[in-house]
Amino acid sequence: MSKAKSTETTYVFYDPASGRIVGEYSEFDAQKGHCVARDLEQVKKAVTGTSAQLAEGTFQALQIEREPGTDLQGLKVKLPTKELVPRRRASSKSGNKRMPQAAKDRG
């Protein structure tokens, strides 16, 4: 019998122009022993006091469920579907496939 994976509610703050995640918020309830969901507007009000950019509307918030300890690094919010997806890695567009001089010298 497999044990169901537990999830926690997290609020992700992101740049609506790029989908870049700029922060996250979770609220832990010590009596319940896990993170609890709050109304998104309550979360925005709680965080707005410390984030002028959220208050100005520069950042948007998204409520997600995730496994405890899951890292959001390397993810972004896909626009306009508002789902988390892996960020693309930067790649070299030069197309230069020549061997570096140090490698040529070795052999």
N, C-alpha and C. Protein backbone atom coordinates (compact mmCIF):
# COMPACT_ATOMS: atom_id res chain seq x y z
N MET A 1 0.85 -1.18 0.00
CA MET A 1 0.00 0.00 0.00
C MET A 1 0.89 1.24 0.00
N SER A 2 0.72 2.10 -0.98
CA SER A 2 1.57 3.29 -1.07
C SER A 2 0.94 4.44 -0.29
N LYS A 3 1.82 5.21 0.32
CA LYS A 3 1.38 6.35 1.11
C LYS A 3 1.18 7.54 0.18
N ALA A 4 0.06 8.23 0.33
CA ALA A 4 -0.22 9.42 -0.48
C ALA A 4 0.77 10.52 -0.13
N LYS A 5 1.25 11.21 -1.15
CA LYS A 5 2.18 12.31 -0.91
C LYS A 5 1.42 13.51 -0.38
N SER A 6 1.98 14.13 0.65
CA SER A 6 1.34 15.33 1.19
C SER A 6 1.80 16.55 0.41
N THR A 7 0.95 17.54 0.36
CA THR A 7 1.30 18.79 -0.30
C THR A 7 1.07 19.94 0.65
N GLU A 8 1.69 21.06 0.33
CA GLU A 8 1.49 22.28 1.11
C GLU A 8 1.14 23.41 0.16
N THR A 9 0.35 24.33 0.68
CA THR A 9 -0.04 25.49 -0.12
C THR A 9 1.07 26.52 -0.07
N THR A 10 1.48 26.98 -1.22
CA THR A 10 2.50 28.01 -1.35
C THR A 10 1.98 29.06 -2.32
N TYR A 11 2.34 30.29 -2.06
CA TYR A 11 1.98 31.39 -2.94
C TYR A 11 3.26 31.85 -3.62
N VAL A 12 3.26 31.85 -4.94
CA VAL A 12 4.43 32.21 -5.73
C VAL A 12 4.19 33.61 -6.28
N PHE A 13 5.18 34.48 -6.13
CA PHE A 13 5.12 35.83 -6.68
C PHE A 13 6.02 35.88 -7.90
N TYR A 14 5.50 36.43 -8.99
CA TYR A 14 6.24 36.39 -10.25
C TYR A 14 6.05 37.67 -11.05
N ASP A 15 6.97 37.87 -11.97
CA ASP A 15 6.92 39.01 -12.88
C ASP A 15 5.96 38.64 -14.02
N PRO A 16 4.84 39.37 -14.17
CA PRO A 16 3.87 39.00 -15.20
C PRO A 16 4.36 39.22 -16.64
N ALA A 17 5.44 39.94 -16.81
CA ALA A 17 5.99 40.15 -18.15
C ALA A 17 6.85 38.97 -18.60
N SER A 18 7.59 38.37 -17.65
CA SER A 18 8.53 37.31 -18.01
C SER A 18 8.19 35.94 -17.41
N GLY A 19 7.39 35.92 -16.34
CA GLY A 19 7.10 34.66 -15.65
C GLY A 19 8.16 34.30 -14.62
N ARG A 20 9.18 35.15 -14.47
CA ARG A 20 10.27 34.89 -13.52
C ARG A 20 9.73 34.93 -12.09
N ILE A 21 10.03 33.88 -11.31
CA ILE A 21 9.61 33.82 -9.92
C ILE A 21 10.52 34.72 -9.10
N VAL A 22 9.90 35.60 -8.30
CA VAL A 22 10.67 36.55 -7.50
C VAL A 22 10.53 36.30 -6.00
N GLY A 23 9.62 35.41 -5.60
CA GLY A 23 9.46 35.12 -4.19
C GLY A 23 8.36 34.10 -3.96
N GLU A 24 8.27 33.67 -2.72
CA GLU A 24 7.23 32.72 -2.35
C GLU A 24 6.80 32.96 -0.91
N TYR A 25 5.62 32.49 -0.55
CA TYR A 25 5.08 32.69 0.78
C TYR A 25 4.31 31.43 1.18
N SER A 26 4.59 30.92 2.37
CA SER A 26 3.84 29.81 2.95
C SER A 26 3.54 30.19 4.39
N GLU A 27 2.41 29.73 4.89
CA GLU A 27 2.06 30.00 6.28
C GLU A 27 1.93 28.68 7.01
N PHE A 28 2.79 28.47 8.01
CA PHE A 28 2.82 27.22 8.76
C PHE A 28 1.93 27.35 9.99
N ASP A 29 1.03 26.39 10.17
CA ASP A 29 0.16 26.34 11.34
C ASP A 29 0.75 25.30 12.29
N ALA A 30 1.31 25.75 13.41
CA ALA A 30 1.98 24.86 14.35
C ALA A 30 1.01 23.86 14.98
N GLN A 31 -0.21 24.25 15.21
CA GLN A 31 -1.19 23.34 15.81
C GLN A 31 -1.54 22.20 14.85
N LYS A 32 -1.65 22.52 13.58
CA LYS A 32 -1.99 21.50 12.59
C LYS A 32 -0.75 20.75 12.11
N GLY A 33 0.41 21.38 12.25
CA GLY A 33 1.66 20.74 11.84
C GLY A 33 1.95 20.79 10.35
N HIS A 34 1.32 21.71 9.63
CA HIS A 34 1.59 21.84 8.20
C HIS A 34 1.21 23.24 7.72
N CYS A 35 1.59 23.51 6.48
CA CYS A 35 1.24 24.81 5.88
C CYS A 35 -0.24 24.84 5.55
N VAL A 36 -0.82 26.00 5.70
CA VAL A 36 -2.26 26.15 5.48
C VAL A 36 -2.53 27.14 4.35
N ALA A 37 -3.67 26.95 3.72
CA ALA A 37 -4.08 27.85 2.65
C ALA A 37 -4.76 29.07 3.25
N ARG A 38 -4.55 30.19 2.63
CA ARG A 38 -5.21 31.44 2.99
C ARG A 38 -5.82 32.01 1.72
N ASP A 39 -6.76 32.89 1.88
CA ASP A 39 -7.32 33.60 0.74
C ASP A 39 -6.20 34.40 0.08
N LEU A 40 -6.11 34.32 -1.22
CA LEU A 40 -5.03 34.98 -1.94
C LEU A 40 -4.98 36.48 -1.67
N GLU A 41 -6.13 37.11 -1.52
CA GLU A 41 -6.14 38.54 -1.22
C GLU A 41 -5.57 38.83 0.16
N GLN A 42 -5.81 37.94 1.14
CA GLN A 42 -5.22 38.10 2.48
C GLN A 42 -3.70 37.99 2.39
N VAL A 43 -3.23 37.05 1.59
CA VAL A 43 -1.78 36.87 1.43
C VAL A 43 -1.18 38.11 0.79
N LYS A 44 -1.82 38.63 -0.25
CA LYS A 44 -1.31 39.83 -0.90
C LYS A 44 -1.22 41.00 0.07
N LYS A 45 -2.25 41.15 0.92
CA LYS A 45 -2.22 42.24 1.91
C LYS A 45 -1.09 42.03 2.92
N ALA A 46 -0.88 40.80 3.35
CA ALA A 46 0.18 40.51 4.32
C ALA A 46 1.56 40.80 3.74
N VAL A 47 1.75 40.45 2.49
CA VAL A 47 3.05 40.62 1.86
C VAL A 47 3.25 42.04 1.35
N THR A 48 2.18 42.71 0.99
CA THR A 48 2.28 44.06 0.44
C THR A 48 3.00 45.01 1.39
N GLY A 49 2.86 44.79 2.67
CA GLY A 49 3.55 45.64 3.63
C GLY A 49 5.05 45.59 3.51
N THR A 50 5.58 44.51 2.95
CA THR A 50 7.02 44.37 2.81
C THR A 50 7.47 44.41 1.37
N SER A 51 6.53 44.48 0.44
CA SER A 51 6.90 44.48 -0.97
C SER A 51 6.15 45.57 -1.73
N ALA A 52 6.82 46.67 -1.95
CA ALA A 52 6.21 47.77 -2.69
C ALA A 52 5.87 47.35 -4.11
N GLN A 53 6.68 46.46 -4.69
CA GLN A 53 6.44 46.04 -6.07
C GLN A 53 5.14 45.25 -6.20
N LEU A 54 4.80 44.48 -5.18
CA LEU A 54 3.52 43.75 -5.21
C LEU A 54 2.38 44.75 -5.07
N ALA A 55 2.55 45.73 -4.20
CA ALA A 55 1.52 46.74 -4.00
C ALA A 55 1.28 47.55 -5.27
N GLU A 56 2.34 47.82 -6.01
CA GLU A 56 2.23 48.59 -7.25
C GLU A 56 1.69 47.75 -8.40
N GLY A 57 1.58 46.46 -8.21
CA GLY A 57 1.12 45.58 -9.28
C GLY A 57 2.23 45.12 -10.20
N THR A 58 3.48 45.39 -9.83
CA THR A 58 4.60 44.96 -10.64
C THR A 58 4.70 43.44 -10.66
N PHE A 59 4.38 42.79 -9.54
CA PHE A 59 4.40 41.34 -9.43
C PHE A 59 2.98 40.81 -9.26
N GLN A 60 2.77 39.58 -9.70
CA GLN A 60 1.50 38.89 -9.53
C GLN A 60 1.71 37.72 -8.59
N ALA A 61 0.62 37.18 -8.03
CA ALA A 61 0.69 36.05 -7.11
C ALA A 61 -0.09 34.87 -7.68
N LEU A 62 0.40 33.67 -7.40
CA LEU A 62 -0.22 32.44 -7.86
C LEU A 62 -0.20 31.43 -6.72
N GLN A 63 -1.34 30.83 -6.42
CA GLN A 63 -1.42 29.81 -5.37
C GLN A 63 -1.15 28.45 -6.00
N ILE A 64 -0.22 27.69 -5.39
CA ILE A 64 0.10 26.35 -5.90
C ILE A 64 0.11 25.35 -4.76
N GLU A 65 0.03 24.08 -5.08
CA GLU A 65 0.21 22.99 -4.13
C GLU A 65 1.50 22.29 -4.52
N ARG A 66 2.36 22.03 -3.54
CA ARG A 66 3.61 21.34 -3.83
C ARG A 66 4.00 20.46 -2.67
N GLU A 67 4.86 19.49 -2.95
CA GLU A 67 5.36 18.62 -1.90
C GLU A 67 6.29 19.43 -1.00
N PRO A 68 6.24 19.20 0.32
CA PRO A 68 7.13 19.93 1.22
C PRO A 68 8.60 19.75 0.80
N GLY A 69 9.33 20.86 0.82
CA GLY A 69 10.75 20.83 0.47
C GLY A 69 11.04 20.94 -1.01
N THR A 70 10.02 20.97 -1.85
CA THR A 70 10.24 21.11 -3.29
C THR A 70 10.79 22.50 -3.58
N ASP A 71 11.89 22.54 -4.33
CA ASP A 71 12.55 23.80 -4.64
C ASP A 71 11.96 24.40 -5.91
N LEU A 72 11.70 25.69 -5.90
CA LEU A 72 11.16 26.37 -7.07
C LEU A 72 12.25 26.92 -7.98
N GLN A 73 13.50 26.80 -7.54
CA GLN A 73 14.60 27.29 -8.36
C GLN A 73 14.64 26.51 -9.67
N GLY A 74 14.83 27.19 -10.75
CA GLY A 74 14.85 26.55 -12.05
C GLY A 74 13.48 26.49 -12.71
N LEU A 75 12.47 27.06 -12.04
CA LEU A 75 11.12 27.08 -12.60
C LEU A 75 10.70 28.51 -12.90
N LYS A 76 9.69 28.65 -13.71
CA LYS A 76 9.08 29.94 -13.99
C LYS A 76 7.59 29.72 -14.19
N VAL A 77 6.82 30.79 -14.21
CA VAL A 77 5.39 30.71 -14.46
C VAL A 77 5.19 30.87 -15.96
N LYS A 78 4.54 29.87 -16.57
CA LYS A 78 4.25 29.93 -17.99
C LYS A 78 3.04 30.85 -18.19
N LEU A 79 3.22 31.82 -19.06
CA LEU A 79 2.15 32.78 -19.33
C LEU A 79 1.49 32.40 -20.64
N PRO A 80 0.23 32.48 -20.83
CA PRO A 80 -0.81 32.95 -19.92
C PRO A 80 -1.48 31.83 -19.11
N THR A 81 -0.98 30.59 -19.21
CA THR A 81 -1.65 29.48 -18.52
C THR A 81 -1.42 29.46 -17.02
N LYS A 82 -0.42 30.20 -16.55
CA LYS A 82 -0.09 30.31 -15.12
C LYS A 82 0.20 28.95 -14.49
N GLU A 83 1.04 28.16 -15.17
CA GLU A 83 1.49 26.91 -14.61
C GLU A 83 3.02 26.96 -14.49
N LEU A 84 3.57 26.21 -13.54
CA LEU A 84 5.01 26.20 -13.34
C LEU A 84 5.66 25.28 -14.36
N VAL A 85 6.70 25.78 -15.01
CA VAL A 85 7.43 25.02 -16.01
C VAL A 85 8.92 25.28 -15.82
N PRO A 86 9.78 24.37 -16.29
CA PRO A 86 11.23 24.61 -16.19
C PRO A 86 11.63 25.83 -17.02
N ARG A 87 12.57 26.60 -16.46
CA ARG A 87 13.12 27.73 -17.22
C ARG A 87 14.02 27.18 -18.30
N ARG A 88 14.09 27.87 -19.40
CA ARG A 88 15.03 27.49 -20.45
C ARG A 88 16.42 27.92 -20.02
N ARG A 89 17.36 27.12 -20.35
CA ARG A 89 18.75 27.46 -20.05
C ARG A 89 19.33 28.27 -21.20
N ALA A 90 20.20 29.18 -20.85
CA ALA A 90 20.86 30.00 -21.86
C ALA A 90 21.74 29.10 -22.72
N SER A 91 21.75 29.34 -23.99
CA SER A 91 22.61 28.55 -24.88
C SER A 91 23.42 29.50 -25.75
N SER A 92 24.52 29.00 -26.20
CA SER A 92 25.38 29.79 -27.07
C SER A 92 24.78 29.82 -28.47
N LYS A 93 24.58 31.01 -28.98
CA LYS A 93 24.02 31.14 -30.33
C LYS A 93 25.11 31.41 -31.35
N SER A 94 26.36 31.41 -30.92
CA SER A 94 27.43 31.75 -31.84
C SER A 94 27.66 30.65 -32.86
N GLY A 95 27.37 29.41 -32.48
CA GLY A 95 27.58 28.30 -33.40
C GLY A 95 29.04 28.00 -33.62
N ASN A 96 29.90 28.60 -32.83
CA ASN A 96 31.33 28.40 -32.96
C ASN A 96 31.70 27.04 -32.38
N LYS A 97 32.09 26.11 -33.25
CA LYS A 97 32.41 24.76 -32.79
C LYS A 97 33.90 24.48 -32.88
N ARG A 98 34.69 25.53 -33.02
CA ARG A 98 36.13 25.34 -33.10
C ARG A 98 36.66 24.89 -31.75
N MET A 99 37.71 24.12 -31.79
CA MET A 99 38.36 23.64 -30.57
C MET A 99 39.16 24.79 -29.95
N PRO A 100 39.03 24.99 -28.63
CA PRO A 100 39.83 26.04 -27.98
C PRO A 100 41.32 25.78 -28.17
N GLN A 101 42.11 26.85 -28.18
CA GLN A 101 43.56 26.75 -28.44
C GLN A 101 44.23 25.80 -27.45
N ALA A 102 43.85 25.84 -26.16
CA ALA A 102 44.47 24.98 -25.16
C ALA A 102 44.24 23.51 -25.50
N ALA A 103 43.09 23.16 -26.02
CA ALA A 103 42.80 21.78 -26.38
C ALA A 103 43.61 21.37 -27.60
N LYS A 104 43.82 22.28 -28.54
CA LYS A 104 44.62 21.98 -29.72
C LYS A 104 46.07 21.68 -29.32
N ASP A 105 46.56 22.47 -28.35
CA ASP A 105 47.95 22.31 -27.93
C ASP A 105 48.20 20.96 -27.27
N ARG A 106 47.18 20.38 -26.66
CA ARG A 106 47.35 19.10 -25.95
C ARG A 106 47.38 17.92 -26.91
N GLY A 107 46.95 18.14 -28.07
CA GLY A 107 47.08 16.97 -28.81
C GLY A 107 46.32 16.68 -29.97
